[in-house]
Amino acid sequence: MDEQQFKVEKAKARKLRQSQWWKEKIQAGICHYCAGRFPAEELTMDHIVPISRGGKSKRGNLVPSCKKCNVNKKYYTPAEIILREKLGQDIQF
């Protein structure tokens, strides 16, 4: 993904962050990954498929995440996270 596409997707994410749809998602207070409950202001927007890996800033690819899960996820996809946990080590692609 080139730099311009990356900037476009980040701008789309910023716009969606202001939407009623997103506000309702974080008001539920549930992290998509650990299912923990958090105050809305402690949840971050996470791309399931990261922008750097070709993911888009669309409703189907955006989920609320607690900061810990978002940091642990990094640039991995959910399938890669499962693989990383099964192997007990970081993976390289």
Protein backbone atom coordinates (compact mmCIF):
# COMPACT_ATOMS: atom_id res chain seq x y z
CA MET A 1 0.00 0.00 0.00
CA ASP A 2 1.44 3.33 -0.96
CA GLU A 3 1.64 6.36 1.33
CA GLN A 4 -1.30 8.15 -0.30
CA GLN A 5 -3.64 5.16 0.11
CA PHE A 6 -2.52 4.84 3.73
CA LYS A 7 -3.38 8.50 4.37
CA VAL A 8 -6.80 8.09 2.71
CA GLU A 9 -7.65 5.09 4.93
CA LYS A 10 -6.49 6.89 8.08
CA ALA A 11 -8.70 9.88 7.15
CA LYS A 12 -11.69 7.56 6.64
CA ALA A 13 -11.06 6.04 10.09
CA ARG A 14 -10.94 9.50 11.70
CA LYS A 15 -14.26 10.37 10.07
CA LEU A 16 -15.88 7.09 11.19
CA ARG A 17 -14.62 7.71 14.73
CA GLN A 18 -16.97 10.71 14.85
CA SER A 19 -19.99 8.76 13.55
CA GLN A 20 -22.99 7.68 15.59
CA TRP A 21 -22.26 4.08 14.55
CA TRP A 22 -18.82 4.17 16.22
CA LYS A 23 -20.09 5.98 19.31
CA GLU A 24 -22.66 3.22 19.82
CA LYS A 25 -19.97 0.56 19.39
CA ILE A 26 -17.76 2.00 22.13
CA GLN A 27 -20.69 2.81 24.43
CA ALA A 28 -21.26 -0.95 24.68
CA GLY A 29 -17.82 -0.96 26.36
CA ILE A 30 -16.70 -4.39 25.13
CA CYS A 31 -13.29 -5.18 23.66
CA HIS A 32 -13.64 -7.24 20.48
CA TYR A 33 -10.62 -9.39 21.34
CA CYS A 34 -10.73 -10.14 25.08
CA ALA A 35 -14.45 -9.38 25.65
CA GLY A 36 -13.46 -7.31 28.67
CA ARG A 37 -15.65 -4.40 29.77
CA PHE A 38 -14.16 -0.91 29.67
CA PRO A 39 -15.35 2.70 29.81
CA ALA A 40 -15.88 4.03 26.27
CA GLU A 41 -12.96 6.45 26.56
CA GLU A 42 -10.59 3.52 27.21
CA LEU A 43 -11.47 1.74 23.95
CA THR A 44 -9.52 2.33 20.75
CA MET A 45 -10.46 1.76 17.12
CA ASP A 46 -8.71 -1.26 15.66
CA HIS A 47 -8.59 -2.47 12.06
CA ILE A 48 -9.06 -6.26 12.07
CA VAL A 49 -6.95 -6.40 8.91
CA PRO A 50 -4.44 -3.58 9.50
CA ILE A 51 -4.20 -0.76 6.96
CA SER A 52 -0.53 -1.63 6.51
CA ARG A 53 -1.64 -5.11 5.38
CA GLY A 54 -4.26 -3.87 2.91
CA GLY A 55 -7.19 -3.46 5.32
CA LYS A 56 -9.75 -0.76 4.70
CA SER A 57 -11.42 1.71 7.05
CA LYS A 58 -14.91 0.25 6.67
CA ARG A 59 -17.43 -0.80 9.28
CA GLY A 60 -16.79 -4.51 8.72
CA ASN A 61 -13.09 -4.08 9.45
CA LEU A 62 -13.27 -1.77 12.47
CA VAL A 63 -13.80 -2.95 16.03
CA PRO A 64 -13.42 -1.51 19.54
CA SER A 65 -10.35 -2.78 21.33
CA CYS A 66 -8.87 -2.18 24.76
CA LYS A 67 -5.44 -0.61 24.65
CA LYS A 68 -3.71 -3.79 25.85
CA CYS A 69 -5.24 -5.93 23.09
CA ASN A 70 -4.57 -3.29 20.45
CA VAL A 71 -0.90 -3.05 21.45
CA ASN A 72 -0.55 -6.85 21.55
CA LYS A 73 -2.22 -7.26 18.16
CA LYS A 74 0.25 -4.93 16.42
CA TYR A 75 0.02 -5.36 12.64
CA TYR A 76 -1.14 -8.99 12.78
CA THR A 77 -4.42 -10.40 11.54
CA PRO A 78 -6.55 -12.45 13.98
CA ALA A 79 -5.46 -15.70 12.27
CA GLU A 80 -1.82 -14.76 12.74
CA ILE A 81 -2.44 -14.02 16.41
CA ILE A 82 -3.86 -17.52 16.88
CA LEU A 83 -0.84 -18.99 15.09
CA ARG A 84 1.55 -16.88 17.20
CA GLU A 85 -0.14 -18.11 20.40
CA LYS A 86 -0.05 -21.74 19.28
CA LEU A 87 3.65 -21.52 18.42
CA GLY A 88 4.47 -19.55 21.55
CA GLN A 89 6.67 -17.16 19.60
CA ASP A 90 6.53 -14.16 17.30
CA ILE A 91 6.04 -14.96 13.62
CA GLN A 92 7.60 -13.38 10.56
CA PHE A 93 6.08 -13.16 7.08
